[in-house]
């Protein structure tokens, strides 16, 4: 059997490489989803409907111990929507978190002499889950969702 693969390596090697790459890619995405807390949030807040509200694409959003780049963040008066591009979607279903199930506060961190303002969104139903938005995006979310937060 192995002789077949050795004799036909120009055909079989690319197929094995493709299968290997797909396994590594999907495994990595699942691992990142678990480390960041996305998987835990998805158990409670997986989005089942199409989101209707204001969306901001290609945002960097720190979440748990992982920062997501290229995320779509959305908000309306009922909740917060989070999604990643389709190529990264395996292990990361879209989320919709109702505002009624969150706690929000602001924080300021000083990095190299610059103050960075953040909106922190805590989800008490999922232990350790929080999402941070930088000031520019936080102001947009606050304007749409009427959270009453000032910077």
Protein backbone atom coordinates (compact mmCIF):
# COMPACT_ATOMS: atom_id res chain seq x y z
CA UNK A 1 0.00 0.00 0.00
CA UNK A 2 2.77 2.46 0.90
CA UNK A 3 4.45 1.74 -2.41
CA UNK A 4 1.46 3.22 -4.19
CA UNK A 5 1.88 6.53 -2.36
CA UNK A 6 5.64 6.56 -2.93
CA UNK A 7 5.26 5.91 -6.67
CA UNK A 8 2.50 8.51 -7.02
CA UNK A 9 3.91 11.17 -4.69
CA UNK A 10 3.38 14.09 -7.13
CA UNK A 11 -0.36 13.45 -6.82
CA UNK A 12 -0.67 12.23 -3.23
CA UNK A 13 1.69 14.71 -1.53
CA UNK A 14 -0.41 17.81 -2.37
CA UNK A 15 -3.56 16.00 -1.22
CA UNK A 16 -1.93 15.06 2.10
CA UNK A 17 -0.57 18.60 2.51
CA UNK A 18 -4.02 20.07 1.90
CA UNK A 19 -5.65 17.72 4.42
CA UNK A 20 -2.88 18.46 6.95
CA UNK A 21 -3.26 22.23 6.46
CA UNK A 22 -7.05 22.08 6.91
CA UNK A 23 -6.63 20.08 10.13
CA UNK A 24 -4.02 22.47 11.54
CA UNK A 25 -6.09 25.55 10.57
CA UNK A 26 -9.34 24.29 12.08
CA UNK A 27 -7.57 22.98 15.19
CA UNK A 28 -5.84 26.32 15.72
CA UNK A 29 -9.12 28.23 15.36
CA UNK A 30 -10.83 25.96 17.89
CA UNK A 31 -7.94 26.36 20.33
CA UNK A 32 -7.98 30.15 20.04
CA UNK A 33 -11.77 30.13 20.54
CA UNK A 34 -11.38 28.22 23.79
CA UNK A 35 -8.45 30.27 25.10
CA UNK A 36 -10.15 33.60 24.44
CA UNK A 37 -13.49 32.62 25.98
CA UNK A 38 -15.39 32.82 22.68
CA UNK A 39 -16.45 29.18 23.01
CA UNK A 40 -17.89 29.80 26.49
CA UNK A 41 -19.79 32.85 25.25
CA UNK A 42 -21.09 30.92 22.24
CA UNK A 43 -22.72 28.36 24.53
CA UNK A 44 -24.98 31.10 25.92
CA UNK A 45 -25.05 33.82 23.28
CA UNK A 46 -24.75 32.25 19.83
CA UNK A 47 -26.50 34.52 17.34
CA UNK A 48 -29.45 32.72 15.78
CA UNK A 49 -30.84 35.60 13.73
CA UNK A 50 -29.44 38.12 11.29
CA UNK A 51 -28.28 41.19 13.19
CA UNK A 52 -30.05 44.47 12.53
CA UNK A 53 -28.18 47.46 13.81
CA UNK A 54 -25.08 49.56 13.30
CA UNK A 55 -21.90 47.53 12.51
CA UNK A 56 -18.25 48.49 12.48
CA UNK A 57 -16.03 46.17 10.48
CA UNK A 58 -12.31 45.46 10.78
CA UNK A 59 -12.04 46.37 14.45
CA UNK A 60 -9.44 45.21 16.96
CA UNK A 61 -11.23 43.97 20.05
CA UNK A 62 -9.41 42.48 23.06
CA UNK A 63 -11.47 39.67 24.52
CA UNK A 64 -10.27 37.63 27.47
CA UNK A 65 -6.60 36.83 27.00
CA UNK A 66 -6.78 37.15 23.20
CA UNK A 67 -7.08 40.19 20.98
CA UNK A 68 -9.17 39.74 17.85
CA UNK A 69 -8.24 41.77 14.81
CA UNK A 70 -10.59 42.21 11.88
CA UNK A 71 -13.69 41.65 13.99
CA UNK A 72 -17.11 43.04 13.18
CA UNK A 73 -18.68 44.70 16.20
CA UNK A 74 -22.29 45.76 16.11
CA UNK A 75 -24.69 47.37 18.54
CA UNK A 76 -28.30 48.34 18.86
CA UNK A 77 -30.50 49.22 21.83
CA UNK A 78 -31.02 45.55 22.71
CA UNK A 79 -27.49 44.17 22.58
CA UNK A 80 -23.97 43.74 21.31
CA UNK A 81 -23.10 41.74 18.17
CA UNK A 82 -19.66 40.20 17.54
CA UNK A 83 -18.49 38.30 14.50
CA UNK A 84 -15.24 37.34 12.79
CA UNK A 85 -14.61 37.01 9.02
CA UNK A 86 -15.76 33.74 7.45
CA UNK A 87 -12.24 32.42 6.98
CA UNK A 88 -11.83 32.51 10.79
CA UNK A 89 -15.40 31.49 11.64
CA UNK A 90 -14.70 27.81 12.43
CA UNK A 91 -14.97 27.61 16.22
CA UNK A 92 -16.17 31.22 16.34
CA UNK A 93 -19.92 31.50 15.66
CA UNK A 94 -21.43 34.97 15.64
CA UNK A 95 -22.51 36.24 19.06
CA UNK A 96 -25.35 38.46 20.23
CA UNK A 97 -25.15 39.50 23.88
CA UNK A 98 -28.16 41.39 25.30
CA UNK A 99 -27.26 44.57 27.20
CA UNK A 100 -29.50 43.40 30.04
CA UNK A 101 -27.02 40.56 30.69
CA UNK A 102 -23.91 42.75 30.77
CA UNK A 103 -22.16 45.14 33.11
CA UNK A 104 -20.25 48.06 31.63
CA UNK A 105 -17.61 50.40 32.99
CA UNK A 106 -14.77 52.52 31.71
CA UNK A 107 -11.07 52.39 32.46
CA UNK A 108 -8.00 54.42 31.61
CA UNK A 109 -4.54 52.96 31.13
CA UNK A 110 -1.37 54.95 30.67
CA UNK A 111 1.05 53.55 28.11
CA UNK A 112 4.25 55.46 27.38
CA UNK A 113 2.72 58.76 28.49
CA UNK A 114 -0.55 58.35 26.57
CA UNK A 115 -3.90 57.72 28.22
CA UNK A 116 -5.97 55.01 26.57
CA UNK A 117 -9.68 54.99 27.40
CA UNK A 118 -11.60 51.73 27.24
CA UNK A 119 -15.18 50.57 27.53
CA UNK A 120 -15.22 47.26 29.41
CA UNK A 121 -18.17 44.94 28.91
CA UNK A 122 -18.42 42.18 31.53
CA UNK A 123 -20.70 39.18 31.06
CA UNK A 124 -21.54 37.83 34.56
CA UNK A 125 -23.26 34.68 33.22
CA UNK A 126 -19.92 33.52 31.77
CA UNK A 127 -17.22 33.66 34.46
CA UNK A 128 -14.13 35.59 33.42
CA UNK A 129 -15.63 36.81 30.13
CA UNK A 130 -15.06 40.43 29.24
CA UNK A 131 -14.66 42.50 26.10
CA UNK A 132 -12.76 45.79 25.77
CA UNK A 133 -13.45 48.49 23.23
CA UNK A 134 -11.10 51.39 22.56
CA UNK A 135 -12.48 54.90 22.96
CA UNK A 136 -13.30 55.56 19.30
CA UNK A 137 -15.37 52.39 18.89
CA UNK A 138 -16.79 52.73 22.42
CA UNK A 139 -18.18 56.16 21.58
CA UNK A 140 -19.87 54.74 18.48
CA UNK A 141 -21.39 51.86 20.49
CA UNK A 142 -22.49 54.26 23.24
CA UNK A 143 -24.14 56.52 20.66
CA UNK A 144 -26.18 53.67 19.20
CA UNK A 145 -26.97 51.71 22.36
CA UNK A 146 -27.52 54.69 24.69
CA UNK A 147 -25.40 53.18 27.47
CA UNK A 148 -25.00 56.54 29.18
CA UNK A 149 -21.22 56.28 29.46
CA UNK A 150 -19.04 59.36 29.12
CA UNK A 151 -15.34 59.57 28.37
